[in-house]
PDB file of N, CA and C in Angstrom:
ATOM      1  N   MET A   1       0.840  -1.180   0.000  1.00  0.00           N
ATOM      2  CA  MET A   1       0.000   0.000   0.000  1.00  0.00           C
ATOM      3  C   MET A   1       0.887   1.246   0.000  1.00  0.00           C
ATOM      4  N   ARG A   2       0.585   2.185  -0.901  1.00  0.00           N
ATOM      5  CA  ARG A   2       1.387   3.393  -1.013  1.00  0.00           C
ATOM      6  C   ARG A   2       0.817   4.498  -0.132  1.00  0.00           C
ATOM      7  N   MET A   3       1.691   5.159   0.578  1.00  0.00           N
ATOM      8  CA  MET A   3       1.294   6.294   1.404  1.00  0.00           C
ATOM      9  C   MET A   3       1.615   7.574   0.637  1.00  0.00           C
ATOM     10  N   PRO A   4       0.653   8.475   0.485  1.00  0.00           N
ATOM     11  CA  PRO A   4       0.929   9.708  -0.255  1.00  0.00           C
ATOM     12  C   PRO A   4       1.879  10.617   0.526  1.00  0.00           C
ATOM     13  N   PHE A   5       2.753  11.274  -0.186  1.00  0.00           N
ATOM     14  CA  PHE A   5       3.674  12.239   0.399  1.00  0.00           C
ATOM     15  C   PHE A   5       2.941  13.560   0.567  1.00  0.00           C
ATOM     16  N   ARG A   6       3.079  14.185   1.726  1.00  0.00           N
ATOM     17  CA  ARG A   6       2.444  15.490   1.974  1.00  0.00           C
ATOM     18  C   ARG A   6       3.495  16.469   2.470  1.00  0.00           C
ATOM     19  N   GLU A   7       3.476  17.639   1.899  1.00  0.00           N
ATOM     20  CA  GLU A   7       4.345  18.696   2.400  1.00  0.00           C
ATOM     21  C   GLU A   7       3.701  19.314   3.628  1.00  0.00           C
ATOM     22  N   ARG A   8       4.540  19.773   4.528  1.00  0.00           N
ATOM     23  CA  ARG A   8       4.027  20.510   5.680  1.00  0.00           C
ATOM     24  C   ARG A   8       3.671  21.927   5.254  1.00  0.00           C
ATOM     25  N   VAL A   9       2.774  22.529   5.975  1.00  0.00           N
ATOM     26  CA  VAL A   9       2.368  23.898   5.682  1.00  0.00           C
ATOM     27  C   VAL A   9       3.580  24.829   5.765  1.00  0.00           C
ATOM     28  N   SER A  10       4.462  24.602   6.724  1.00  0.00           N
ATOM     29  CA  SER A  10       5.635  25.466   6.884  1.00  0.00           C
ATOM     30  C   SER A  10       6.530  25.429   5.650  1.00  0.00           C
ATOM     31  N   ARG A  11       6.620  24.282   4.984  1.00  0.00           N
ATOM     32  CA  ARG A  11       7.413  24.187   3.758  1.00  0.00           C
ATOM     33  C   ARG A  11       6.760  25.004   2.638  1.00  0.00           C
ATOM     34  N   SER A  12       5.447  24.911   2.526  1.00  0.00           N
ATOM     35  CA  SER A  12       4.741  25.701   1.516  1.00  0.00           C
ATOM     36  C   SER A  12       4.909  27.195   1.770  1.00  0.00           C
ATOM     37  N   VAL A  13       4.873  27.598   3.030  1.00  0.00           N
ATOM     38  CA  VAL A  13       5.067  29.009   3.379  1.00  0.00           C
ATOM     39  C   VAL A  13       6.477  29.459   3.002  1.00  0.00           C
ATOM     40  N   ALA A  14       7.482  28.652   3.331  1.00  0.00           N
ATOM     41  CA  ALA A  14       8.870  29.005   3.006  1.00  0.00           C
ATOM     42  C   ALA A  14       9.064  29.131   1.499  1.00  0.00           C
ATOM     43  N   LYS A  15       8.490  28.218   0.736  1.00  0.00           N
ATOM     44  CA  LYS A  15       8.600  28.275  -0.721  1.00  0.00           C
ATOM     45  C   LYS A  15       7.911  29.527  -1.264  1.00  0.00           C
ATOM     46  N   ALA A  16       6.753  29.857  -0.731  1.00  0.00           N
ATOM     47  CA  ALA A  16       6.020  31.040  -1.187  1.00  0.00           C
ATOM     48  C   ALA A  16       6.800  32.322  -0.889  1.00  0.00           C
ATOM     49  N   VAL A  17       7.389  32.402   0.300  1.00  0.00           N
ATOM     50  CA  VAL A  17       8.122  33.609   0.696  1.00  0.00           C
ATOM     51  C   VAL A  17       9.378  33.795  -0.152  1.00  0.00           C
ATOM     52  N   THR A  18      10.156  32.738  -0.335  1.00  0.00           N
ATOM     53  CA  THR A  18      11.382  32.885  -1.119  1.00  0.00           C
ATOM     54  C   THR A  18      11.075  33.195  -2.584  1.00  0.00           C
ATOM     55  N   PHE A  19      10.017  32.612  -3.121  1.00  0.00           N
ATOM     56  CA  PHE A  19       9.623  32.916  -4.492  1.00  0.00           C
ATOM     57  C   PHE A  19       9.187  34.368  -4.619  1.00  0.00           C
ATOM     58  N   ARG A  20       8.428  34.842  -3.654  1.00  0.00           N
ATOM     59  CA  ARG A  20       7.972  36.231  -3.671  1.00  0.00           C
ATOM     60  C   ARG A  20       9.141  37.195  -3.606  1.00  0.00           C
ATOM     61  N   ILE A  21      10.175  36.890  -2.841  1.00  0.00           N
ATOM     62  CA  ILE A  21      11.345  37.768  -2.753  1.00  0.00           C
ATOM     63  C   ILE A  21      11.985  37.930  -4.133  1.00  0.00           C
ATOM     64  N   LEU A  22      12.137  36.826  -4.841  1.00  0.00           N
ATOM     65  CA  LEU A  22      12.697  36.896  -6.196  1.00  0.00           C
ATOM     66  C   LEU A  22      11.833  37.733  -7.129  1.00  0.00           C
ATOM     67  N   ILE A  23      10.533  37.537  -7.054  1.00  0.00           N
ATOM     68  CA  ILE A  23       9.616  38.279  -7.910  1.00  0.00           C
ATOM     69  C   ILE A  23       9.595  39.762  -7.548  1.00  0.00           C
ATOM     70  N   ILE A  24       9.607  40.078  -6.275  1.00  0.00           N
ATOM     71  CA  ILE A  24       9.621  41.476  -5.837  1.00  0.00           C
ATOM     72  C   ILE A  24      10.843  42.198  -6.389  1.00  0.00           C
ATOM     73  N   LEU A  25      11.985  41.556  -6.292  1.00  0.00           N
ATOM     74  CA  LEU A  25      13.214  42.183  -6.785  1.00  0.00           C
ATOM     75  C   LEU A  25      13.169  42.419  -8.296  1.00  0.00           C
ATOM     76  N   SER A  26      12.779  41.413  -9.035  1.00  0.00           N
ATOM     77  CA  SER A  26      12.758  41.565 -10.496  1.00  0.00           C
ATOM     78  C   SER A  26      11.675  42.546 -10.937  1.00  0.00           C
ATOM     79  N   ASP A  27      10.494  42.468 -10.346  1.00  0.00           N
ATOM     80  CA  ASP A  27       9.418  43.405 -10.700  1.00  0.00           C
ATOM     81  C   ASP A  27       9.783  44.844 -10.340  1.00  0.00           C
ATOM     82  N   SER A  28      10.429  45.018  -9.206  1.00  0.00           N
ATOM     83  CA  SER A  28      10.819  46.375  -8.790  1.00  0.00           C
ATOM     84  C   SER A  28      11.744  47.020  -9.800  1.00  0.00           C
ATOM     85  N   VAL A  29      12.710  46.270 -10.266  1.00  0.00           N
ATOM     86  CA  VAL A  29      13.647  46.809 -11.257  1.00  0.00           C
ATOM     87  C   VAL A  29      12.904  47.204 -12.533  1.00  0.00           C
ATOM     88  N   VAL A  30      12.049  46.327 -13.025  1.00  0.00           N
ATOM     89  CA  VAL A  30      11.326  46.609 -14.270  1.00  0.00           C
ATOM     90  C   VAL A  30      10.397  47.813 -14.107  1.00  0.00           C
ATOM     91  N   ILE A  31       9.618  47.834 -13.034  1.00  0.00           N
ATOM     92  CA  ILE A  31       8.665  48.935 -12.832  1.00  0.00           C
ATOM     93  C   ILE A  31       9.403  50.260 -12.664  1.00  0.00           C
ATOM     94  N   TYR A  32      10.496  50.252 -11.915  1.00  0.00           N
ATOM     95  CA  TYR A  32      11.240  51.494 -11.732  1.00  0.00           C
ATOM     96  C   TYR A  32      11.861  51.974 -13.046  1.00  0.00           C
ATOM     97  N   LEU A  33      12.378  51.055 -13.829  1.00  0.00           N
ATOM     98  CA  LEU A  33      12.961  51.452 -15.112  1.00  0.00           C
ATOM     99  C   LEU A  33      11.912  52.055 -16.044  1.00  0.00           C
ATOM    100  N   ILE A  34      10.674  51.579 -15.940  1.00  0.00           N
ATOM    101  CA  ILE A  34       9.599  52.116 -16.783  1.00  0.00           C
ATOM    102  C   ILE A  34       9.091  53.460 -16.256  1.00  0.00           C
ATOM    103  N   THR A  35       8.861  53.547 -14.946  1.00  0.00           N
ATOM    104  CA  THR A  35       8.236  54.749 -14.376  1.00  0.00           C
ATOM    105  C   THR A  35       9.226  55.793 -13.867  1.00  0.00           C
ATOM    106  N   ARG A  36      10.391  55.358 -13.453  1.00  0.00           N
ATOM    107  CA  ARG A  36      11.391  56.241 -12.820  1.00  0.00           C
ATOM    108  C   ARG A  36      10.823  56.936 -11.580  1.00  0.00           C
ATOM    109  N   ARG A  37       9.827  56.270 -10.966  1.00  0.00           N
ATOM    110  CA  ARG A  37       9.213  56.817  -9.743  1.00  0.00           C
ATOM    111  C   ARG A  37       9.188  55.752  -8.669  1.00  0.00           C
ATOM    112  N   PHE A  38       9.837  56.078  -7.548  1.00  0.00           N
ATOM    113  CA  PHE A  38       9.905  55.132  -6.440  1.00  0.00           C
ATOM    114  C   PHE A  38       8.535  54.905  -5.807  1.00  0.00           C
ATOM    115  N   ASP A  39       7.728  55.955  -5.660  1.00  0.00           N
ATOM    116  CA  ASP A  39       6.422  55.821  -5.017  1.00  0.00           C
ATOM    117  C   ASP A  39       5.481  54.921  -5.810  1.00  0.00           C
ATOM    118  N   VAL A  40       5.480  55.068  -7.126  1.00  0.00           N
ATOM    119  CA  VAL A  40       4.652  54.205  -7.980  1.00  0.00           C
ATOM    120  C   VAL A  40       5.153  52.771  -7.916  1.00  0.00           C
ATOM    121  N   THR A  41       6.464  52.613  -7.980  1.00  0.00           N
ATOM    122  CA  THR A  41       7.061  51.271  -7.899  1.00  0.00           C
ATOM    123  C   THR A  41       6.657  50.587  -6.603  1.00  0.00           C
ATOM    124  N   LEU A  42       6.786  51.279  -5.493  1.00  0.00           N
ATOM    125  CA  LEU A  42       6.446  50.707  -4.195  1.00  0.00           C
ATOM    126  C   LEU A  42       4.966  50.343  -4.106  1.00  0.00           C
ATOM    127  N   GLY A  43       4.094  51.210  -4.583  1.00  0.00           N
ATOM    128  CA  GLY A  43       2.652  50.944  -4.530  1.00  0.00           C
ATOM    129  C   GLY A  43       2.260  49.726  -5.349  1.00  0.00           C
ATOM    130  N   VAL A  44       2.779  49.641  -6.560  1.00  0.00           N
ATOM    131  CA  VAL A  44       2.454  48.503  -7.426  1.00  0.00           C
ATOM    132  C   VAL A  44       3.003  47.208  -6.827  1.00  0.00           C
ATOM    133  N   ILE A  45       4.220  47.249  -6.340  1.00  0.00           N
ATOM    134  CA  ILE A  45       4.854  46.058  -5.761  1.00  0.00           C
ATOM    135  C   ILE A  45       4.080  45.572  -4.539  1.00  0.00           C
ATOM    136  N   LEU A  46       3.710  46.468  -3.662  1.00  0.00           N
ATOM    137  CA  LEU A  46       2.968  46.061  -2.458  1.00  0.00           C
ATOM    138  C   LEU A  46       1.632  45.408  -2.806  1.00  0.00           C
ATOM    139  N   ALA A  47       0.843  46.077  -3.630  1.00  0.00           N
ATOM    140  CA  ALA A  47      -0.484  45.552  -3.963  1.00  0.00           C
ATOM    141  C   ALA A  47      -0.407  44.215  -4.694  1.00  0.00           C
ATOM    142  N   SER A  48       0.436  44.146  -5.707  1.00  0.00           N
ATOM    143  CA  SER A  48       0.480  42.918  -6.506  1.00  0.00           C
ATOM    144  C   SER A  48       1.082  41.743  -5.749  1.00  0.00           C
ATOM    145  N   ASN A  49       2.040  42.007  -4.901  1.00  0.00           N
ATOM    146  CA  ASN A  49       2.697  40.892  -4.218  1.00  0.00           C
ATOM    147  C   ASN A  49       1.930  40.369  -3.010  1.00  0.00           C
ATOM    148  N   ILE A  50       1.165  41.190  -2.384  1.00  0.00           N
ATOM    149  CA  ILE A  50       0.300  40.667  -1.317  1.00  0.00           C
ATOM    150  C   ILE A  50      -0.723  39.714  -1.934  1.00  0.00           C
ATOM    151  N   ALA A  51      -1.366  40.151  -3.006  1.00  0.00           N
ATOM    152  CA  ALA A  51      -2.357  39.297  -3.670  1.00  0.00           C
ATOM    153  C   ALA A  51      -1.705  38.030  -4.238  1.00  0.00           C
ATOM    154  N   SER A  52      -0.570  38.178  -4.878  1.00  0.00           N
ATOM    155  CA  SER A  52       0.105  37.028  -5.486  1.00  0.00           C
ATOM    156  C   SER A  52       0.568  36.013  -4.454  1.00  0.00           C
ATOM    157  N   THR A  53       1.045  36.479  -3.310  1.00  0.00           N
ATOM    158  CA  THR A  53       1.501  35.561  -2.263  1.00  0.00           C
ATOM    159  C   THR A  53       0.350  34.718  -1.731  1.00  0.00           C
ATOM    160  N   VAL A  54      -0.774  35.341  -1.505  1.00  0.00           N
ATOM    161  CA  VAL A  54      -1.943  34.601  -1.026  1.00  0.00           C
ATOM    162  C   VAL A  54      -2.395  33.583  -2.077  1.00  0.00           C
ATOM    163  N   LEU A  55      -2.475  34.001  -3.324  1.00  0.00           N
ATOM    164  CA  LEU A  55      -2.893  33.092  -4.391  1.00  0.00           C
ATOM    165  C   LEU A  55      -1.912  31.942  -4.578  1.00  0.00           C
ATOM    166  N   TYR A  56      -0.613  32.223  -4.497  1.00  0.00           N
ATOM    167  CA  TYR A  56       0.387  31.172  -4.636  1.00  0.00           C
ATOM    168  C   TYR A  56       0.251  30.148  -3.518  1.00  0.00           C
ATOM    169  N   PHE A  57       0.068  30.611  -2.290  1.00  0.00           N
ATOM    170  CA  PHE A  57      -0.067  29.699  -1.148  1.00  0.00           C
ATOM    171  C   PHE A  57      -1.286  28.793  -1.327  1.00  0.00           C
ATOM    172  N   VAL A  58      -2.424  29.361  -1.704  1.00  0.00           N
ATOM    173  CA  VAL A  58      -3.630  28.563  -1.930  1.00  0.00           C
ATOM    174  C   VAL A  58      -3.389  27.554  -3.055  1.00  0.00           C
ATOM    175  N   HIS A  59      -2.782  27.989  -4.134  1.00  0.00           N
ATOM    176  CA  HIS A  59      -2.464  27.113  -5.263  1.00  0.00           C
ATOM    177  C   HIS A  59      -1.566  25.953  -4.823  1.00  0.00           C
ATOM    178  N   GLU A  60      -0.551  26.255  -4.043  1.00  0.00           N
ATOM    179  CA  GLU A  60       0.385  25.236  -3.554  1.00  0.00           C
ATOM    180  C   GLU A  60      -0.324  24.210  -2.677  1.00  0.00           C
ATOM    181  N   ARG A  61      -1.209  24.656  -1.802  1.00  0.00           N
ATOM    182  CA  ARG A  61      -1.917  23.744  -0.903  1.00  0.00           C
ATOM    183  C   ARG A  61      -2.901  22.860  -1.679  1.00  0.00           C
ATOM    184  N   ILE A  62      -3.529  23.406  -2.696  1.00  0.00           N
ATOM    185  CA  ILE A  62      -4.423  22.597  -3.535  1.00  0.00           C
ATOM    186  C   ILE A  62      -3.625  21.521  -4.249  1.00  0.00           C
ATOM    187  N   TRP A  63      -2.497  21.891  -4.851  1.00  0.00           N
ATOM    188  CA  TRP A  63      -1.672  20.915  -5.570  1.00  0.00           C
ATOM    189  C   TRP A  63      -1.104  19.854  -4.632  1.00  0.00           C
ATOM    190  N   ASP A  64      -0.882  20.189  -3.368  1.00  0.00           N
ATOM    191  CA  ASP A  64      -0.378  19.195  -2.423  1.00  0.00           C
ATOM    192  C   ASP A  64      -1.394  18.077  -2.202  1.00  0.00           C
ATOM    193  N   ARG A  65      -2.649  18.356  -2.402  1.00  0.00           N
ATOM    194  CA  ARG A  65      -3.697  17.345  -2.222  1.00  0.00           C
ATOM    195  C   ARG A  65      -3.898  16.469  -3.454  1.00  0.00           C
ATOM    196  N   ILE A  66      -3.263  16.828  -4.550  1.00  0.00           N
ATOM    197  CA  ILE A  66      -3.373  16.048  -5.785  1.00  0.00           C
ATOM    198  C   ILE A  66      -2.202  15.071  -5.844  1.00  0.00           C
ATOM    199  N   ASN A  67      -2.496  13.778  -5.921  1.00  0.00           N
ATOM    200  CA  ASN A  67      -1.437  12.769  -5.884  1.00  0.00           C
ATOM    201  C   ASN A  67      -0.751  12.550  -7.218  1.00  0.00           C
ATOM    202  N   TRP A  68      -1.278  13.083  -8.290  1.00  0.00           N
ATOM    203  CA  TRP A  68      -0.707  12.903  -9.609  1.00  0.00           C
ATOM    204  C   TRP A  68       0.761  13.363  -9.636  1.00  0.00           C
ATOM    205  N   GLY A  69       1.643  12.481 -10.088  1.00  0.00           N
ATOM    206  CA  GLY A  69       3.054  12.808 -10.232  1.00  0.00           C
ATOM    207  C   GLY A  69       3.881  12.692  -8.973  1.00  0.00           C
ATOM    208  N   LYS A  70       3.303  12.225  -7.885  1.00  0.00           N
ATOM    209  CA  LYS A  70       4.032  12.068  -6.625  1.00  0.00           C
ATOM    210  C   LYS A  70       4.429  10.612  -6.441  1.00  0.00           C
ATOM    211  N   ARG A  71       5.533  10.424  -5.786  1.00  0.00           N
ATOM    212  CA  ARG A  71       5.978   9.094  -5.382  1.00  0.00           C
ATOM    213  C   ARG A  71       6.393   9.150  -3.930  1.00  0.00           C
ATOM    214  N   GLN A  72       6.157   8.052  -3.248  1.00  0.00           N
ATOM    215  CA  GLN A  72       6.609   7.967  -1.870  1.00  0.00           C
ATOM    216  C   GLN A  72       8.116   7.691  -1.885  1.00  0.00           C
ATOM    217  N   ALA A  73       8.837   8.390  -1.035  1.00  0.00           N
ATOM    218  CA  ALA A  73      10.283   8.183  -0.950  1.00  0.00           C
ATOM    219  C   ALA A  73      10.573   6.769  -0.440  1.00  0.00           C
ATOM    220  N   ARG A  74      11.542   6.120  -1.066  1.00  0.00           N
ATOM    221  CA  ARG A  74      11.934   4.781  -0.613  1.00  0.00           C
ATOM    222  C   ARG A  74      12.858   4.891   0.581  1.00  0.00           C
ATOM    223  N   ARG A  75      12.664   4.035   1.517  1.00  0.00           N
ATOM    224  CA  ARG A  75      13.527   4.026   2.709  1.00  0.00           C
ATOM    225  C   ARG A  75      14.722   3.120   2.432  1.00  0.00           C
ATOM    226  N   THR A  76      15.866   3.610   2.832  1.00  0.00           N
ATOM    227  CA  THR A  76      17.087   2.817   2.629  1.00  0.00           C
ATOM    228  C   THR A  76      17.623   2.272   3.904  1.00  0.00           C
TER     229      THR A  76
END
């Protein structure tokens, strides 16, 4: 009998946070280069990344419940 592998919530949170940091940095550079305004850059980054972080976390938790493509780790 196969036991499904489940990620802990803390792992999903860590993955979401580190991914968001990368996106914040890259988006900030692009938005600033386009607008040349720090206030606009900050406003867009804050709004979009709060929403994106929540959506990513929900997406990650839904996918964790789908067993397709998962394998149980073999014990050695």
